[in-house]
Amino acid sequence: MSSQEQVRASHVLIKHEGSRRKASWKDPEGCAISATTRDASVARLATLRQEIASGAARFEDIAAKHSDCSSAKRGGDLGRFGRGQMQKPFEEATFALKVGEMSDILDTDSGVHIILRTG
């Protein structure tokens, strides 16, 4: 696979009651996630996105503290990936971003995300 077919990205994932897997590294039993609506997750993520966009917080720090994905331990870094390796909406959004650009809030079966393309 050539480098043109791959991207590198970080993300912040906030799970909710409709997420396909309710457990996360922060909530192993999924108790808090099961009690969280999609709208509440979107509102929380919108606030976090604004903190990053305004320069009040770094993406990596927000991901490390708030993301429900185990990639939080790496500041949200997912590493390099190519087409067909992620859920389609996530893949399409990531490939559409320019390096250094942050996505709007994105829905997938896993929950709601913001994505930062890093490579």
PDB file of N, CA and C in Angstrom:
ATOM      1  N   MET A   1       0.841  -1.173   0.000  1.00  0.00           N
ATOM      2  CA  MET A   1       0.000   0.000   0.000  1.00  0.00           C
ATOM      3  C   MET A   1       0.890   1.241   0.000  1.00  0.00           C
ATOM      4  N   SER A   2       0.678   2.139  -0.901  1.00  0.00           N
ATOM      5  CA  SER A   2       1.508   3.340  -0.979  1.00  0.00           C
ATOM      6  C   SER A   2       1.056   4.358   0.054  1.00  0.00           C
ATOM      7  N   SER A   3       1.922   5.328   0.327  1.00  0.00           N
ATOM      8  CA  SER A   3       1.605   6.330   1.339  1.00  0.00           C
ATOM      9  C   SER A   3       0.426   7.200   0.914  1.00  0.00           C
ATOM     10  N   GLN A   4       0.171   7.321  -0.404  1.00  0.00           N
ATOM     11  CA  GLN A   4      -0.966   8.115  -0.860  1.00  0.00           C
ATOM     12  C   GLN A   4      -2.299   7.453  -0.508  1.00  0.00           C
ATOM     13  N   GLU A   5      -2.277   6.158  -0.243  1.00  0.00           N
ATOM     14  CA  GLU A   5      -3.502   5.456   0.095  1.00  0.00           C
ATOM     15  C   GLU A   5      -3.715   5.377   1.597  1.00  0.00           C
ATOM     16  N   GLN A   6      -2.849   6.006   2.367  1.00  0.00           N
ATOM     17  CA  GLN A   6      -2.965   5.970   3.820  1.00  0.00           C
ATOM     18  C   GLN A   6      -3.027   7.373   4.401  1.00  0.00           C
ATOM     19  N   VAL A   7      -3.645   7.463   5.563  1.00  0.00           N
ATOM     20  CA  VAL A   7      -3.678   8.697   6.326  1.00  0.00           C
ATOM     21  C   VAL A   7      -3.262   8.358   7.752  1.00  0.00           C
ATOM     22  N   ARG A   8      -2.959   9.382   8.498  1.00  0.00           N
ATOM     23  CA  ARG A   8      -2.742   9.211   9.933  1.00  0.00           C
ATOM     24  C   ARG A   8      -3.671  10.195  10.622  1.00  0.00           C
ATOM     25  N   ALA A   9      -4.302   9.735  11.689  1.00  0.00           N
ATOM     26  CA  ALA A   9      -5.275  10.588  12.362  1.00  0.00           C
ATOM     27  C   ALA A   9      -5.351  10.280  13.842  1.00  0.00           C
ATOM     28  N   SER A  10      -5.845  11.259  14.560  1.00  0.00           N
ATOM     29  CA  SER A  10      -6.196  11.120  15.967  1.00  0.00           C
ATOM     30  C   SER A  10      -7.680  11.437  16.079  1.00  0.00           C
ATOM     31  N   HIS A  11      -8.303  10.937  17.138  1.00  0.00           N
ATOM     32  CA  HIS A  11      -9.721  11.256  17.308  1.00  0.00           C
ATOM     33  C   HIS A  11     -10.084  11.297  18.782  1.00  0.00           C
ATOM     34  N   VAL A  12     -11.229  11.899  19.031  1.00  0.00           N
ATOM     35  CA  VAL A  12     -11.882  11.858  20.334  1.00  0.00           C
ATOM     36  C   VAL A  12     -13.216  11.171  20.082  1.00  0.00           C
ATOM     37  N   LEU A  13     -13.471  10.103  20.812  1.00  0.00           N
ATOM     38  CA  LEU A  13     -14.722   9.349  20.698  1.00  0.00           C
ATOM     39  C   LEU A  13     -15.512   9.505  21.994  1.00  0.00           C
ATOM     40  N   ILE A  14     -16.768   9.880  21.851  1.00  0.00           N
ATOM     41  CA  ILE A  14     -17.683   9.911  22.987  1.00  0.00           C
ATOM     42  C   ILE A  14     -18.806   8.921  22.667  1.00  0.00           C
ATOM     43  N   LYS A  15     -18.885   7.881  23.467  1.00  0.00           N
ATOM     44  CA  LYS A  15     -19.919   6.866  23.265  1.00  0.00           C
ATOM     45  C   LYS A  15     -21.216   7.300  23.932  1.00  0.00           C
ATOM     46  N   HIS A  16     -22.316   6.646  23.521  1.00  0.00           N
ATOM     47  CA  HIS A  16     -23.632   6.948  24.083  1.00  0.00           C
ATOM     48  C   HIS A  16     -24.483   5.687  24.063  1.00  0.00           C
ATOM     49  N   GLU A  17     -25.706   5.804  24.518  1.00  0.00           N
ATOM     50  CA  GLU A  17     -26.593   4.645  24.650  1.00  0.00           C
ATOM     51  C   GLU A  17     -26.797   3.886  23.335  1.00  0.00           C
ATOM     52  N   GLY A  18     -26.635   4.535  22.205  1.00  0.00           N
ATOM     53  CA  GLY A  18     -26.819   3.887  20.914  1.00  0.00           C
ATOM     54  C   GLY A  18     -25.543   3.324  20.305  1.00  0.00           C
ATOM     55  N   SER A  19     -24.426   3.460  20.994  1.00  0.00           N
ATOM     56  CA  SER A  19     -23.141   2.964  20.482  1.00  0.00           C
ATOM     57  C   SER A  19     -23.143   1.443  20.413  1.00  0.00           C
ATOM     58  N   ARG A  20     -22.427   0.907  19.443  1.00  0.00           N
ATOM     59  CA  ARG A  20     -22.459  -0.544  19.248  1.00  0.00           C
ATOM     60  C   ARG A  20     -21.824  -1.322  20.400  1.00  0.00           C
ATOM     61  N   ARG A  21     -20.817  -0.777  21.031  1.00  0.00           N
ATOM     62  CA  ARG A  21     -20.239  -1.387  22.229  1.00  0.00           C
ATOM     63  C   ARG A  21     -20.289  -0.343  23.328  1.00  0.00           C
ATOM     64  N   LYS A  22     -20.919  -0.692  24.422  1.00  0.00           N
ATOM     65  CA  LYS A  22     -21.142   0.294  25.476  1.00  0.00           C
ATOM     66  C   LYS A  22     -19.967   0.425  26.445  1.00  0.00           C
ATOM     67  N   ALA A  23     -19.072  -0.534  26.472  1.00  0.00           N
ATOM     68  CA  ALA A  23     -17.936  -0.466  27.392  1.00  0.00           C
ATOM     69  C   ALA A  23     -16.810   0.373  26.788  1.00  0.00           C
ATOM     70  N   SER A  24     -15.987   0.938  27.661  1.00  0.00           N
ATOM     71  CA  SER A  24     -14.795   1.645  27.211  1.00  0.00           C
ATOM     72  C   SER A  24     -13.733   1.506  28.289  1.00  0.00           C
ATOM     73  N   TRP A  25     -12.535   1.961  27.988  1.00  0.00           N
ATOM     74  CA  TRP A  25     -11.458   1.885  28.973  1.00  0.00           C
ATOM     75  C   TRP A  25     -11.799   2.691  30.223  1.00  0.00           C
ATOM     76  N   LYS A  26     -12.605   3.745  30.079  1.00  0.00           N
ATOM     77  CA  LYS A  26     -12.984   4.566  31.222  1.00  0.00           C
ATOM     78  C   LYS A  26     -14.214   4.016  31.946  1.00  0.00           C
ATOM     79  N   ASP A  27     -15.023   3.273  31.236  1.00  0.00           N
ATOM     80  CA  ASP A  27     -16.302   2.783  31.755  1.00  0.00           C
ATOM     81  C   ASP A  27     -16.449   1.310  31.372  1.00  0.00           C
ATOM     82  N   PRO A  28     -15.657   0.423  31.999  1.00  0.00           N
ATOM     83  CA  PRO A  28     -15.594  -0.983  31.594  1.00  0.00           C
ATOM     84  C   PRO A  28     -16.945  -1.711  31.602  1.00  0.00           C
ATOM     85  N   GLU A  29     -17.831  -1.320  32.498  1.00  0.00           N
ATOM     86  CA  GLU A  29     -19.155  -1.954  32.565  1.00  0.00           C
ATOM     87  C   GLU A  29     -20.170  -1.255  31.676  1.00  0.00           C
ATOM     88  N   GLY A  30     -19.828  -0.098  31.146  1.00  0.00           N
ATOM     89  CA  GLY A  30     -20.736   0.640  30.270  1.00  0.00           C
ATOM     90  C   GLY A  30     -21.892   1.301  30.988  1.00  0.00           C
ATOM     91  N   CYS A  31     -21.787   1.474  32.298  1.00  0.00           N
ATOM     92  CA  CYS A  31     -22.890   2.066  33.080  1.00  0.00           C
ATOM     93  C   CYS A  31     -23.160   3.517  32.685  1.00  0.00           C
ATOM     94  N   ALA A  32     -22.119   4.344  32.661  1.00  0.00           N
ATOM     95  CA  ALA A  32     -22.294   5.754  32.306  1.00  0.00           C
ATOM     96  C   ALA A  32     -22.667   5.899  30.841  1.00  0.00           C
ATOM     97  N   ILE A  33     -22.053   5.091  29.975  1.00  0.00           N
ATOM     98  CA  ILE A  33     -22.338   5.171  28.543  1.00  0.00           C
ATOM     99  C   ILE A  33     -23.793   4.803  28.272  1.00  0.00           C
ATOM    100  N   SER A  34     -24.285   3.767  28.900  1.00  0.00           N
ATOM    101  CA  SER A  34     -25.669   3.328  28.695  1.00  0.00           C
ATOM    102  C   SER A  34     -26.680   4.384  29.138  1.00  0.00           C
ATOM    103  N   ALA A  35     -26.290   5.256  30.057  1.00  0.00           N
ATOM    104  CA  ALA A  35     -27.179   6.290  30.574  1.00  0.00           C
ATOM    105  C   ALA A  35     -26.999   7.635  29.856  1.00  0.00           C
ATOM    106  N   THR A  36     -26.165   7.682  28.815  1.00  0.00           N
ATOM    107  CA  THR A  36     -25.864   8.925  28.109  1.00  0.00           C
ATOM    108  C   THR A  36     -26.570   8.939  26.750  1.00  0.00           C
ATOM    109  N   THR A  37     -27.328   9.980  26.488  1.00  0.00           N
ATOM    110  CA  THR A  37     -28.015  10.092  25.196  1.00  0.00           C
ATOM    111  C   THR A  37     -27.042  10.548  24.117  1.00  0.00           C
ATOM    112  N   ARG A  38     -27.408  10.335  22.877  1.00  0.00           N
ATOM    113  CA  ARG A  38     -26.601  10.810  21.759  1.00  0.00           C
ATOM    114  C   ARG A  38     -26.489  12.328  21.816  1.00  0.00           C
ATOM    115  N   ASP A  39     -27.607  13.002  22.089  1.00  0.00           N
ATOM    116  CA  ASP A  39     -27.595  14.467  22.139  1.00  0.00           C
ATOM    117  C   ASP A  39     -26.642  14.992  23.211  1.00  0.00           C
ATOM    118  N   ALA A  40     -26.606  14.329  24.362  1.00  0.00           N
ATOM    119  CA  ALA A  40     -25.687  14.740  25.432  1.00  0.00           C
ATOM    120  C   ALA A  40     -24.245  14.536  24.998  1.00  0.00           C
ATOM    121  N   SER A  41     -23.981  13.431  24.286  1.00  0.00           N
ATOM    122  CA  SER A  41     -22.621  13.166  23.796  1.00  0.00           C
ATOM    123  C   SER A  41     -22.199  14.209  22.772  1.00  0.00           C
ATOM    124  N   VAL A  42     -23.117  14.579  21.870  1.00  0.00           N
ATOM    125  CA  VAL A  42     -22.818  15.595  20.859  1.00  0.00           C
ATOM    126  C   VAL A  42     -22.548  16.937  21.533  1.00  0.00           C
ATOM    127  N   ALA A  43     -23.356  17.296  22.519  1.00  0.00           N
ATOM    128  CA  ALA A  43     -23.161  18.576  23.220  1.00  0.00           C
ATOM    129  C   ALA A  43     -21.806  18.603  23.923  1.00  0.00           C
ATOM    130  N   ARG A  44     -21.455  17.514  24.576  1.00  0.00           N
ATOM    131  CA  ARG A  44     -20.160  17.441  25.266  1.00  0.00           C
ATOM    132  C   ARG A  44     -19.009  17.553  24.271  1.00  0.00           C
ATOM    133  N   LEU A  45     -19.130  16.840  23.164  1.00  0.00           N
ATOM    134  CA  LEU A  45     -18.075  16.864  22.153  1.00  0.00           C
ATOM    135  C   LEU A  45     -17.971  18.239  21.493  1.00  0.00           C
ATOM    136  N   ALA A  46     -19.100  18.909  21.300  1.00  0.00           N
ATOM    137  CA  ALA A  46     -19.081  20.259  20.723  1.00  0.00           C
ATOM    138  C   ALA A  46     -18.312  21.221  21.621  1.00  0.00           C
ATOM    139  N   THR A  47     -18.507  21.090  22.931  1.00  0.00           N
ATOM    140  CA  THR A  47     -17.774  21.925  23.886  1.00  0.00           C
ATOM    141  C   THR A  47     -16.283  21.633  23.821  1.00  0.00           C
ATOM    142  N   LEU A  48     -15.927  20.357  23.772  1.00  0.00           N
ATOM    143  CA  LEU A  48     -14.515  19.970  23.697  1.00  0.00           C
ATOM    144  C   LEU A  48     -13.889  20.460  22.391  1.00  0.00           C
ATOM    145  N   ARG A  49     -14.626  20.344  21.289  1.00  0.00           N
ATOM    146  CA  ARG A  49     -14.124  20.787  19.987  1.00  0.00           C
ATOM    147  C   ARG A  49     -13.844  22.287  20.015  1.00  0.00           C
ATOM    148  N   GLN A  50     -14.742  23.036  20.640  1.00  0.00           N
ATOM    149  CA  GLN A  50     -14.570  24.487  20.734  1.00  0.00           C
ATOM    150  C   GLN A  50     -13.331  24.847  21.557  1.00  0.00           C
ATOM    151  N   GLU A  51     -13.079  24.098  22.626  1.00  0.00           N
ATOM    152  CA  GLU A  51     -11.874  24.335  23.433  1.00  0.00           C
ATOM    153  C   GLU A  51     -10.619  24.154  22.588  1.00  0.00           C
ATOM    154  N   ILE A  52     -10.620  23.132  21.733  1.00  0.00           N
ATOM    155  CA  ILE A  52      -9.470  22.874  20.860  1.00  0.00           C
ATOM    156  C   ILE A  52      -9.363  23.970  19.804  1.00  0.00           C
ATOM    157  N   ALA A  53     -10.480  24.264  19.134  1.00  0.00           N
ATOM    158  CA  ALA A  53     -10.481  25.248  18.045  1.00  0.00           C
ATOM    159  C   ALA A  53     -10.067  26.639  18.527  1.00  0.00           C
ATOM    160  N   SER A  54     -10.419  26.985  19.763  1.00  0.00           N
ATOM    161  CA  SER A  54     -10.082  28.310  20.297  1.00  0.00           C
ATOM    162  C   SER A  54      -8.645  28.395  20.790  1.00  0.00           C
ATOM    163  N   GLY A  55      -7.986  27.239  20.888  1.00  0.00           N
ATOM    164  CA  GLY A  55      -6.621  27.225  21.390  1.00  0.00           C
ATOM    165  C   GLY A  55      -6.533  27.095  22.899  1.00  0.00           C
ATOM    166  N   ALA A  56      -7.680  26.940  23.575  1.00  0.00           N
ATOM    167  CA  ALA A  56      -7.699  26.808  25.033  1.00  0.00           C
ATOM    168  C   ALA A  56      -7.180  25.450  25.490  1.00  0.00           C
ATOM    169  N   ALA A  57      -7.220  24.447  24.583  1.00  0.00           N
ATOM    170  CA  ALA A  57      -6.752  23.100  24.931  1.00  0.00           C
ATOM    171  C   ALA A  57      -6.141  22.457  23.690  1.00  0.00           C
ATOM    172  N   ARG A  58      -5.235  21.520  23.941  1.00  0.00           N
ATOM    173  CA  ARG A  58      -4.625  20.772  22.834  1.00  0.00           C
ATOM    174  C   ARG A  58      -5.458  19.520  22.549  1.00  0.00           C
ATOM    175  N   PHE A  59      -5.551  19.148  21.280  1.00  0.00           N
ATOM    176  CA  PHE A  59      -6.311  17.974  20.869  1.00  0.00           C
ATOM    177  C   PHE A  59      -5.880  16.754  21.672  1.00  0.00           C
ATOM    178  N   GLU A  60      -4.558  16.542  21.785  1.00  0.00           N
ATOM    179  CA  GLU A  60      -4.017  15.358  22.458  1.00  0.00           C
ATOM    180  C   GLU A  60      -4.461  15.293  23.918  1.00  0.00           C
ATOM    181  N   ASP A  61      -4.503  16.451  24.568  1.00  0.00           N
ATOM    182  CA  ASP A  61      -4.893  16.490  25.980  1.00  0.00           C
ATOM    183  C   ASP A  61      -6.375  16.190  26.152  1.00  0.00           C
ATOM    184  N   ILE A  62      -7.188  16.743  25.263  1.00  0.00           N
ATOM    185  CA  ILE A  62      -8.633  16.468  25.310  1.00  0.00           C
ATOM    186  C   ILE A  62      -8.881  14.988  25.063  1.00  0.00           C
ATOM    187  N   ALA A  63      -8.208  14.430  24.064  1.00  0.00           N
ATOM    188  CA  ALA A  63      -8.387  13.000  23.761  1.00  0.00           C
ATOM    189  C   ALA A  63      -7.973  12.145  24.951  1.00  0.00           C
ATOM    190  N   ALA A  64      -6.833  12.457  25.544  1.00  0.00           N
ATOM    191  CA  ALA A  64      -6.316  11.657  26.660  1.00  0.00           C
ATOM    192  C   ALA A  64      -7.275  11.663  27.849  1.00  0.00           C
ATOM    193  N   LYS A  65      -7.920  12.777  28.067  1.00  0.00           N
ATOM    194  CA  LYS A  65      -8.789  12.921  29.240  1.00  0.00           C
ATOM    195  C   LYS A  65     -10.234  12.477  28.977  1.00  0.00           C
ATOM    196  N   HIS A  66     -10.736  12.688  27.769  1.00  0.00           N
ATOM    197  CA  HIS A  66     -12.174  12.536  27.527  1.00  0.00           C
ATOM    198  C   HIS A  66     -12.581  11.420  26.577  1.00  0.00           C
ATOM    199  N   SER A  67     -11.690  10.951  25.722  1.00  0.00           N
ATOM    200  CA  SER A  67     -12.090   9.965  24.714  1.00  0.00           C
ATOM    201  C   SER A  67     -12.421   8.615  25.334  1.00  0.00           C
ATOM    202  N   ASP A  68     -13.457   7.971  24.810  1.00  0.00           N
ATOM    203  CA  ASP A  68     -13.844   6.624  25.240  1.00  0.00           C
ATOM    204  C   ASP A  68     -13.069   5.539  24.500  1.00  0.00           C
ATOM    205  N   CYS A  69     -12.226   5.914  23.556  1.00  0.00           N
ATOM    206  CA  CYS A  69     -11.419   4.949  22.802  1.00  0.00           C
ATOM    207  C   CYS A  69     -10.112   4.693  23.558  1.00  0.00           C
ATOM    208  N   SER A  70      -9.618   3.478  23.472  1.00  0.00           N
ATOM    209  CA  SER A  70      -8.340   3.158  24.125  1.00  0.00           C
ATOM    210  C   SER A  70      -7.182   3.963  23.529  1.00  0.00           C
ATOM    211  N   SER A  71      -7.382   4.556  22.340  1.00  0.00           N
ATOM    212  CA  SER A  71      -6.347   5.421  21.763  1.00  0.00           C
ATOM    213  C   SER A  71      -6.126   6.667  22.618  1.00  0.00           C
ATOM    214  N   ALA A  72      -6.985   6.918  23.588  1.00  0.00           N
ATOM    215  CA  ALA A  72      -6.808   8.046  24.507  1.00  0.00           C
ATOM    216  C   ALA A  72      -5.440   7.977  25.180  1.00  0.00           C
ATOM    217  N   LYS A  73      -4.967   6.768  25.425  1.00  0.00           N
ATOM    218  CA  LYS A  73      -3.669   6.589  26.077  1.00  0.00           C
ATOM    219  C   LYS A  73      -2.527   7.092  25.201  1.00  0.00           C
ATOM    220  N   ARG A  74      -2.803   7.303  23.915  1.00  0.00           N
ATOM    221  CA  ARG A  74      -1.819   7.842  22.968  1.00  0.00           C
ATOM    222  C   ARG A  74      -2.254   9.218  22.478  1.00  0.00           C
ATOM    223  N   GLY A  75      -3.035   9.933  23.268  1.00  0.00           N
ATOM    224  CA  GLY A  75      -3.521  11.252  22.860  1.00  0.00           C
ATOM    225  C   GLY A  75      -4.486  11.182  21.692  1.00  0.00           C
ATOM    226  N   GLY A  76      -5.138  10.042  21.527  1.00  0.00           N
ATOM    227  CA  GLY A  76      -6.109   9.860  20.447  1.00  0.00           C
ATOM    228  C   GLY A  76      -5.520   9.332  19.154  1.00  0.00           C
ATOM    229  N   ASP A  77      -4.204   9.137  19.123  1.00  0.00           N
ATOM    230  CA  ASP A  77      -3.529   8.717  17.882  1.00  0.00           C
ATOM    231  C   ASP A  77      -3.949   7.309  17.467  1.00  0.00           C
ATOM    232  N   LEU A  78      -4.441   7.201  16.234  1.00  0.00           N
ATOM    233  CA  LEU A  78      -4.839   5.910  15.661  1.00  0.00           C
ATOM    234  C   LEU A  78      -3.758   5.328  14.759  1.00  0.00           C
ATOM    235  N   GLY A  79      -2.689   6.088  14.538  1.00  0.00           N
ATOM    236  CA  GLY A  79      -1.649   5.633  13.627  1.00  0.00           C
ATOM    237  C   GLY A  79      -2.090   5.778  12.180  1.00  0.00           C
ATOM    238  N   ARG A  80      -1.360   5.109  11.297  1.00  0.00           N
ATOM    239  CA  ARG A  80      -1.667   5.159   9.859  1.00  0.00           C
ATOM    240  C   ARG A  80      -2.683   4.080   9.521  1.00  0.00           C
ATOM    241  N   PHE A  81      -3.576   4.401   8.596  1.00  0.00           N
ATOM    242  CA  PHE A  81      -4.526   3.407   8.113  1.00  0.00           C
ATOM    243  C   PHE A  81      -4.931   3.736   6.686  1.00  0.00           C
ATOM    244  N   GLY A  82      -5.341   2.713   5.996  1.00  0.00           N
ATOM    245  CA  GLY A  82      -5.769   2.855   4.618  1.00  0.00           C
ATOM    246  C   GLY A  82      -7.264   2.677   4.475  1.00  0.00           C
ATOM    247  N   ARG A  83      -7.701   2.722   3.251  1.00  0.00           N
ATOM    248  CA  ARG A  83      -9.125   2.549   2.967  1.00  0.00           C
ATOM    249  C   ARG A  83      -9.549   1.122   3.325  1.00  0.00           C
ATOM    250  N   GLY A  84     -10.759   1.009   3.853  1.00  0.00           N
ATOM    251  CA  GLY A  84     -11.294  -0.293   4.209  1.00  0.00           C
ATOM    252  C   GLY A  84     -10.923  -0.771   5.605  1.00  0.00           C
ATOM    253  N   GLN A  85     -10.194   0.045   6.364  1.00  0.00           N
ATOM    254  CA  GLN A  85      -9.769  -0.374   7.702  1.00  0.00           C
ATOM    255  C   GLN A  85     -10.616   0.220   8.821  1.00  0.00           C
ATOM    256  N   MET A  86     -11.337   1.268   8.529  1.00  0.00           N
ATOM    257  CA  MET A  86     -12.185   1.941   9.525  1.00  0.00           C
ATOM    258  C   MET A  86     -13.629   1.917   9.024  1.00  0.00           C
ATOM    259  N   GLN A  87     -14.559   2.280   9.921  1.00  0.00           N
ATOM    260  CA  GLN A  87     -15.942   2.404   9.493  1.00  0.00           C
ATOM    261  C   GLN A  87     -16.014   3.446   8.373  1.00  0.00           C
ATOM    262  N   LYS A  88     -16.853   3.183   7.388  1.00  0.00           N
ATOM    263  CA  LYS A  88     -16.909   4.000   6.175  1.00  0.00           C
ATOM    264  C   LYS A  88     -17.052   5.505   6.457  1.00  0.00           C
ATOM    265  N   PRO A  89     -17.990   5.937   7.316  1.00  0.00           N
ATOM    266  CA  PRO A  89     -18.102   7.386   7.549  1.00  0.00           C
ATOM    267  C   PRO A  89     -16.827   7.989   8.139  1.00  0.00           C
ATOM    268  N   PHE A  90     -16.169   7.247   9.028  1.00  0.00           N
ATOM    269  CA  PHE A  90     -14.927   7.712   9.650  1.00  0.00           C
ATOM    270  C   PHE A  90     -13.839   7.812   8.587  1.00  0.00           C
ATOM    271  N   GLU A  91     -13.721   6.786   7.767  1.00  0.00           N
ATOM    272  CA  GLU A  91     -12.712   6.773   6.702  1.00  0.00           C
ATOM    273  C   GLU A  91     -12.919   7.937   5.740  1.00  0.00           C
ATOM    274  N   GLU A  92     -14.148   8.109   5.270  1.00  0.00           N
ATOM    275  CA  GLU A  92     -14.432   9.175   4.297  1.00  0.00           C
ATOM    276  C   GLU A  92     -14.116  10.551   4.882  1.00  0.00           C
ATOM    277  N   ALA A  93     -14.510  10.772   6.131  1.00  0.00           N
ATOM    278  CA  ALA A  93     -14.240  12.064   6.764  1.00  0.00           C
ATOM    279  C   ALA A  93     -12.741  12.304   6.909  1.00  0.00           C
ATOM    280  N   THR A  94     -12.007  11.282   7.302  1.00  0.00           N
ATOM    281  CA  THR A  94     -10.566  11.435   7.515  1.00  0.00           C
ATOM    282  C   THR A  94      -9.846  11.713   6.204  1.00  0.00           C
ATOM    283  N   PHE A  95     -10.162  10.954   5.162  1.00  0.00           N
ATOM    284  CA  PHE A  95      -9.507  11.164   3.873  1.00  0.00           C
ATOM    285  C   PHE A  95      -9.869  12.517   3.269  1.00  0.00           C
ATOM    286  N   ALA A  96     -11.012  13.088   3.638  1.00  0.00           N
ATOM    287  CA  ALA A  96     -11.432  14.387   3.106  1.00  0.00           C
ATOM    288  C   ALA A  96     -10.723  15.558   3.794  1.00  0.00           C
ATOM    289  N   LEU A  97     -10.162  15.313   4.969  1.00  0.00           N
ATOM    290  CA  LEU A  97      -9.468  16.381   5.696  1.00  0.00           C
ATOM    291  C   LEU A  97      -8.077  16.619   5.128  1.00  0.00           C
ATOM    292  N   LYS A  98      -7.599  17.842   5.277  1.00  0.00           N
ATOM    293  CA  LYS A  98      -6.201  18.150   4.989  1.00  0.00           C
ATOM    294  C   LYS A  98      -5.407  17.898   6.264  1.00  0.00           C
ATOM    295  N   VAL A  99      -4.109  17.643   6.125  1.00  0.00           N
ATOM    296  CA  VAL A  99      -3.249  17.445   7.290  1.00  0.00           C
ATOM    297  C   VAL A  99      -3.337  18.686   8.185  1.00  0.00           C
ATOM    298  N   GLY A 100      -3.577  18.466   9.466  1.00  0.00           N
ATOM    299  CA  GLY A 100      -3.717  19.555  10.429  1.00  0.00           C
ATOM    300  C   GLY A 100      -5.143  20.043  10.604  1.00  0.00           C
ATOM    301  N   GLU A 101      -6.056  19.550   9.795  1.00  0.00           N
ATOM    302  CA  GLU A 101      -7.451  19.989   9.844  1.00  0.00           C
ATOM    303  C   GLU A 101      -8.262  19.087  10.778  1.00  0.00           C
ATOM    304  N   MET A 102      -9.204  19.696  11.498  1.00  0.00           N
ATOM    305  CA  MET A 102     -10.078  18.972  12.414  1.00  0.00           C
ATOM    306  C   MET A 102     -11.479  18.890  11.814  1.00  0.00           C
ATOM    307  N   SER A 103     -12.095  17.742  11.982  1.00  0.00           N
ATOM    308  CA  SER A 103     -13.433  17.518  11.438  1.00  0.00           C
ATOM    309  C   SER A 103     -14.506  18.180  12.291  1.00  0.00           C
ATOM    310  N   ASP A 104     -15.690  18.247  11.724  1.00  0.00           N
ATOM    311  CA  ASP A 104     -16.876  18.543  12.504  1.00  0.00           C
ATOM    312  C   ASP A 104     -17.213  17.270  13.272  1.00  0.00           C
ATOM    313  N   ILE A 105     -18.259  17.315  14.053  1.00  0.00           N
ATOM    314  CA  ILE A 105     -18.696  16.129  14.789  1.00  0.00           C
ATOM    315  C   ILE A 105     -19.239  15.112  13.796  1.00  0.00           C
ATOM    316  N   LEU A 106     -18.827  13.873  13.973  1.00  0.00           N
ATOM    317  CA  LEU A 106     -19.152  12.785  13.050  1.00  0.00           C
ATOM    318  C   LEU A 106     -19.781  11.629  13.815  1.00  0.00           C
ATOM    319  N   ASP A 107     -20.861  11.094  13.269  1.00  0.00           N
ATOM    320  CA  ASP A 107     -21.524   9.914  13.844  1.00  0.00           C
ATOM    321  C   ASP A 107     -21.023   8.640  13.191  1.00  0.00           C
ATOM    322  N   THR A 108     -20.733   7.622  13.996  1.00  0.00           N
ATOM    323  CA  THR A 108     -20.510   6.265  13.488  1.00  0.00           C
ATOM    324  C   THR A 108     -21.232   5.309  14.431  1.00  0.00           C
ATOM    325  N   ASP A 109     -21.187   4.036  14.124  1.00  0.00           N
ATOM    326  CA  ASP A 109     -21.788   3.042  15.009  1.00  0.00           C
ATOM    327  C   ASP A 109     -21.109   3.007  16.373  1.00  0.00           C
ATOM    328  N   SER A 110     -19.884   3.511  16.457  1.00  0.00           N
ATOM    329  CA  SER A 110     -19.131   3.500  17.724  1.00  0.00           C
ATOM    330  C   SER A 110     -19.520   4.640  18.649  1.00  0.00           C
ATOM    331  N   GLY A 111     -20.057   5.721  18.111  1.00  0.00           N
ATOM    332  CA  GLY A 111     -20.410   6.897  18.880  1.00  0.00           C
ATOM    333  C   GLY A 111     -20.192   8.151  18.046  1.00  0.00           C
ATOM    334  N   VAL A 112     -19.890   9.255  18.716  1.00  0.00           N
ATOM    335  CA  VAL A 112     -19.623  10.506  18.002  1.00  0.00           C
ATOM    336  C   VAL A 112     -18.145  10.847  18.156  1.00  0.00           C
ATOM    337  N   HIS A 113     -17.567  11.416  17.107  1.00  0.00           N
ATOM    338  CA  HIS A 113     -16.127  11.665  17.057  1.00  0.00           C
ATOM    339  C   HIS A 113     -15.841  13.085  16.571  1.00  0.00           C
ATOM    340  N   ILE A 114     -14.654  13.556  16.908  1.00  0.00           N
ATOM    341  CA  ILE A 114     -13.975  14.588  16.133  1.00  0.00           C
ATOM    342  C   ILE A 114     -12.640  13.975  15.736  1.00  0.00           C
ATOM    343  N   ILE A 115     -12.206  14.314  14.546  1.00  0.00           N
ATOM    344  CA  ILE A 115     -10.998  13.713  13.966  1.00  0.00           C
ATOM    345  C   ILE A 115     -10.010  14.823  13.646  1.00  0.00           C
ATOM    346  N   LEU A 116      -8.762  14.579  13.927  1.00  0.00           N
ATOM    347  CA  LEU A 116      -7.673  15.465  13.522  1.00  0.00           C
ATOM    348  C   LEU A 116      -6.768  14.675  12.603  1.00  0.00           C
ATOM    349  N   ARG A 117      -6.688  15.109  11.350  1.00  0.00           N
ATOM    350  CA  ARG A 117      -5.775  14.423  10.428  1.00  0.00           C
ATOM    351  C   ARG A 117      -4.357  14.902  10.705  1.00  0.00           C
ATOM    352  N   THR A 118      -3.476  13.956  10.976  1.00  0.00           N
ATOM    353  CA  THR A 118      -2.109  14.304  11.356  1.00  0.00           C
ATOM    354  C   THR A 118      -1.078  13.887  10.308  1.00  0.00           C
ATOM    355  N   GLY A 119      -1.510  13.167   9.299  1.00  0.00           N
ATOM    356  CA  GLY A 119      -0.563  12.750   8.270  1.00  0.00           C
ATOM    357  C   GLY A 119      -1.245  12.139   7.086  1.00  0.00           C
TER     358      GLY A 119
END
